[in-house]
Amino acid sequence: MSTRGKADEQDLPGQIEALLDEGETLLWWDKLSDKSLIGGFGKILMFFTLLVNLAILVLVFAPSLLPASGSMGWLMIPLLIVDGICLLFILLYFAFGLMTGGLNAITDQRVLVADVHRNRIVRYMRLDSLSSIRIRQEGRGRGSITFFRDESEDMPASAAQPRRLSLAGVRHLDRVLDLLREQTDALDDPAKEN
């Protein structure tokens, strides 16, 4: 990681705290896992797109170098279609990462997903409104935590305050669960899924 990247990461807690309400304390934060971005498929997709682009370059320049390869020109249209689709998915891959904010956080009052690039909290759920928490362990100390709340008349569900909020690919899951047990009684061990 570059020196600038390390400095930016060290500054993240301060950026998150700047988004919090007055008197709210940041207890935990983590970057959004690669697994939550199209299942970590982005690197494979980029490599495949690079191969398709190399094949297109070969088809563009090969006829002038090898006269016998002129009959392979029909491959150009399907390759261009596949390339366009791959580039669209790559754009969606990065756009999805930005839309979901990039950071999961837990404070003494709520659990939230924040976008520090846009300086806003994308989604949040108050800890005192939780009805249950479901955990799915994924191995290597990772797991997913899904928070549920009941919709009430004074707190209807919205894009910013959903009825269900999921933190996928959470590192050091056991530590995060211990922290949640200190903050809320909604963590129900029978709801745990392995």
Protein backbone atom coordinates (compact mmCIF):
# COMPACT_ATOMS: atom_id res chain seq x y z
CA MET A 1 0.00 0.00 0.00
CA SER A 2 1.31 3.45 -0.86
CA THR A 3 2.15 6.04 1.80
CA ARG A 4 -0.82 8.13 0.67
CA GLY A 5 -3.14 5.09 0.91
CA LYS A 6 -1.95 4.40 4.46
CA ALA A 7 -2.44 8.03 5.44
CA ASP A 8 -5.94 8.05 3.95
CA GLU A 9 -6.82 4.86 5.84
CA GLN A 10 -5.54 6.29 9.13
CA ASP A 11 -7.74 9.33 8.57
CA LEU A 12 -10.90 7.25 7.99
CA PRO A 13 -12.01 7.14 11.65
CA GLY A 14 -11.91 10.94 11.78
CA GLN A 15 -13.91 11.17 8.57
CA ILE A 16 -16.55 8.76 9.92
CA GLU A 17 -16.74 10.62 13.24
CA ALA A 18 -17.37 13.86 11.34
CA LEU A 19 -20.55 12.26 9.92
CA LEU A 20 -21.92 11.17 13.31
CA ASP A 21 -24.48 12.98 15.44
CA GLU A 22 -23.29 15.07 18.36
CA GLY A 23 -22.47 12.84 21.35
CA GLU A 24 -22.34 9.67 19.22
CA THR A 25 -19.18 7.56 19.63
CA LEU A 26 -17.56 5.42 16.93
CA LEU A 27 -16.89 1.91 18.31
CA TRP A 28 -15.89 -0.09 15.21
CA TRP A 29 -15.38 0.42 11.48
CA ASP A 30 -14.09 -1.60 8.57
CA LYS A 31 -13.77 -1.18 4.85
CA LEU A 32 -16.43 -2.89 2.84
CA SER A 33 -15.22 -6.38 1.95
CA ASP A 34 -14.33 -7.27 -1.66
CA LYS A 35 -16.73 -10.19 -1.24
CA SER A 36 -19.67 -7.82 -1.04
CA LEU A 37 -18.82 -6.31 -4.42
CA ILE A 38 -20.31 -8.77 -6.91
CA GLY A 39 -18.88 -11.64 -4.89
CA GLY A 40 -15.26 -10.59 -5.37
CA PHE A 41 -15.75 -11.21 -9.12
CA GLY A 42 -14.17 -7.92 -10.21
CA LYS A 43 -10.55 -9.07 -10.56
CA ILE A 44 -11.51 -12.10 -12.67
CA LEU A 45 -13.76 -9.92 -14.82
CA MET A 46 -10.98 -7.37 -15.40
CA PHE A 47 -8.50 -10.12 -16.37
CA PHE A 48 -11.04 -11.67 -18.79
CA THR A 49 -11.73 -8.25 -20.35
CA LEU A 50 -8.00 -7.70 -20.83
CA LEU A 51 -7.76 -11.03 -22.68
CA VAL A 52 -10.73 -10.12 -24.91
CA ASN A 53 -9.13 -6.74 -25.70
CA LEU A 54 -5.84 -8.46 -26.61
CA ALA A 55 -7.75 -10.81 -28.93
CA ILE A 56 -9.41 -7.80 -30.60
CA LEU A 57 -6.01 -6.13 -31.09
CA VAL A 58 -4.63 -9.30 -32.67
CA LEU A 59 -7.61 -9.46 -35.06
CA VAL A 60 -7.18 -5.79 -35.99
CA PHE A 61 -3.45 -6.01 -36.73
CA ALA A 62 -3.02 -9.69 -37.75
CA PRO A 63 -4.55 -9.42 -41.26
CA SER A 64 -1.87 -6.97 -42.32
CA LEU A 65 0.88 -9.17 -40.86
CA LEU A 66 -0.46 -12.61 -41.82
CA PRO A 67 -2.53 -12.76 -45.01
CA ALA A 68 -4.04 -16.13 -44.05
CA SER A 69 -5.65 -14.65 -40.91
CA GLY A 70 -8.03 -12.43 -42.92
CA SER A 71 -10.73 -15.11 -42.72
CA MET A 72 -10.95 -14.66 -38.92
CA GLY A 73 -12.41 -11.17 -39.21
CA TRP A 74 -15.90 -12.52 -38.44
CA LEU A 75 -14.75 -12.97 -34.81
CA MET A 76 -14.47 -9.20 -34.39
CA ILE A 77 -18.21 -8.51 -33.89
CA PRO A 78 -18.79 -11.16 -31.17
CA LEU A 79 -15.59 -10.10 -29.41
CA LEU A 80 -16.64 -6.44 -29.46
CA ILE A 81 -20.05 -7.37 -28.03
CA VAL A 82 -18.44 -9.45 -25.25
CA ASP A 83 -15.95 -6.64 -24.59
CA GLY A 84 -18.74 -4.06 -24.28
CA ILE A 85 -20.65 -6.28 -21.85
CA CYS A 86 -17.51 -6.87 -19.75
CA LEU A 87 -16.73 -3.15 -19.65
CA LEU A 88 -20.30 -2.44 -18.54
CA PHE A 89 -19.98 -4.94 -15.69
CA ILE A 90 -16.63 -3.47 -14.67
CA LEU A 91 -18.22 -0.01 -14.50
CA LEU A 92 -21.09 -1.44 -12.43
CA TYR A 93 -18.55 -3.21 -10.19
CA PHE A 94 -16.87 0.07 -9.29
CA ALA A 95 -20.13 2.04 -9.20
CA PHE A 96 -21.63 -0.53 -6.78
CA GLY A 97 -18.62 -0.12 -4.52
CA LEU A 98 -19.16 3.64 -4.40
CA MET A 99 -22.93 3.40 -3.97
CA THR A 100 -22.60 1.11 -0.97
CA GLY A 101 -20.27 3.58 0.65
CA GLY A 102 -17.20 1.53 1.24
CA LEU A 103 -17.31 1.55 5.06
CA ASN A 104 -19.28 -0.37 7.66
CA ALA A 105 -19.39 1.11 11.13
CA ILE A 106 -20.95 0.58 14.55
CA THR A 107 -21.43 3.40 17.02
CA ASP A 108 -22.90 3.43 20.52
CA GLN A 109 -26.26 4.37 18.93
CA ARG A 110 -26.48 2.73 15.50
CA VAL A 111 -24.99 0.49 12.83
CA LEU A 112 -24.32 2.22 9.53
CA VAL A 113 -22.85 2.13 6.04
CA ALA A 114 -20.97 5.34 5.22
CA ASP A 115 -19.56 6.85 2.04
CA VAL A 116 -16.66 9.05 3.14
CA HIS A 117 -16.00 10.17 -0.44
CA ARG A 118 -19.40 11.84 -0.56
CA ASN A 119 -19.34 12.65 3.17
CA ARG A 120 -22.63 11.01 3.97
CA ILE A 121 -24.20 8.07 5.74
CA VAL A 122 -25.86 5.90 3.11
CA ARG A 123 -27.89 3.58 5.37
CA TYR A 124 -28.25 3.15 9.10
CA MET A 125 -30.24 1.37 11.75
CA ARG A 126 -30.58 2.47 15.36
CA LEU A 127 -29.44 -0.16 17.88
CA ASP A 128 -32.46 0.47 20.11
CA SER A 129 -34.82 -0.35 17.19
CA LEU A 130 -33.35 -3.80 16.45
CA SER A 131 -35.65 -6.80 16.72
CA SER A 132 -33.01 -9.45 15.89
CA ILE A 133 -29.54 -10.03 14.49
CA ARG A 134 -28.61 -12.98 12.30
CA ILE A 135 -25.00 -14.16 11.91
CA ARG A 136 -23.48 -16.33 9.20
CA GLN A 137 -19.90 -17.48 9.71
CA GLU A 138 -17.81 -17.82 6.57
CA GLY A 139 -14.48 -19.11 7.91
CA ARG A 140 -11.11 -17.48 8.62
CA GLY A 141 -12.72 -15.25 11.23
CA ARG A 142 -15.06 -13.67 8.68
CA GLY A 143 -18.81 -13.61 8.54
CA SER A 144 -21.92 -11.67 7.69
CA ILE A 145 -24.18 -9.88 10.12
CA THR A 146 -27.76 -9.02 9.19
CA PHE A 147 -29.72 -6.61 11.37
CA PHE A 148 -33.53 -6.63 11.42
CA ARG A 149 -36.02 -4.14 12.81
CA ASP A 150 -39.78 -4.03 12.87
CA GLU A 151 -41.42 -1.26 10.89
CA SER A 152 -43.45 1.03 13.09
CA GLU A 153 -45.66 4.03 12.36
CA ASP A 154 -43.17 6.47 13.87
CA MET A 155 -40.20 4.83 12.05
CA PRO A 156 -41.28 3.56 8.60
CA ALA A 157 -38.71 1.84 6.40
CA SER A 158 -36.87 3.98 3.86
CA ALA A 159 -33.72 3.74 1.73
CA ALA A 160 -31.70 5.45 4.48
CA GLN A 161 -33.38 3.51 7.33
CA PRO A 162 -34.19 0.05 5.98
CA ARG A 163 -35.93 -2.79 7.81
CA ARG A 164 -32.93 -5.01 7.07
CA LEU A 165 -29.26 -4.03 6.96
CA SER A 166 -26.48 -6.45 6.13
CA LEU A 167 -22.75 -6.17 6.76
CA ALA A 168 -21.05 -8.77 4.53
CA GLY A 169 -17.54 -10.15 4.86
CA VAL A 170 -16.93 -8.72 8.34
CA ARG A 171 -13.39 -9.46 9.54
CA HIS A 172 -12.76 -10.58 13.15
CA LEU A 173 -16.41 -11.54 13.47
CA ASP A 174 -16.18 -12.74 17.08
CA ARG A 175 -14.80 -9.40 18.28
CA VAL A 176 -17.55 -7.50 16.48
CA LEU A 177 -20.19 -9.79 18.00
CA ASP A 178 -18.76 -9.22 21.50
CA LEU A 179 -18.99 -5.48 20.87
CA LEU A 180 -22.62 -5.83 19.74
CA ARG A 181 -23.50 -7.88 22.84
CA GLU A 182 -22.31 -4.96 24.97
CA GLN A 183 -24.51 -2.52 23.03
CA THR A 184 -27.76 -4.41 22.42
CA ASP A 185 -29.83 -7.36 23.63
CA ALA A 186 -31.04 -8.07 20.07
CA LEU A 187 -28.13 -10.42 19.36
CA ASP A 188 -29.90 -13.74 19.63
CA ASP A 189 -27.58 -16.78 19.56
CA PRO A 190 -30.34 -19.16 18.34
CA ALA A 191 -30.58 -17.03 15.18
CA LYS A 192 -26.96 -17.89 14.41
CA GLU A 193 -26.42 -19.71 11.10
CA ASN A 194 -23.30 -21.68 10.29
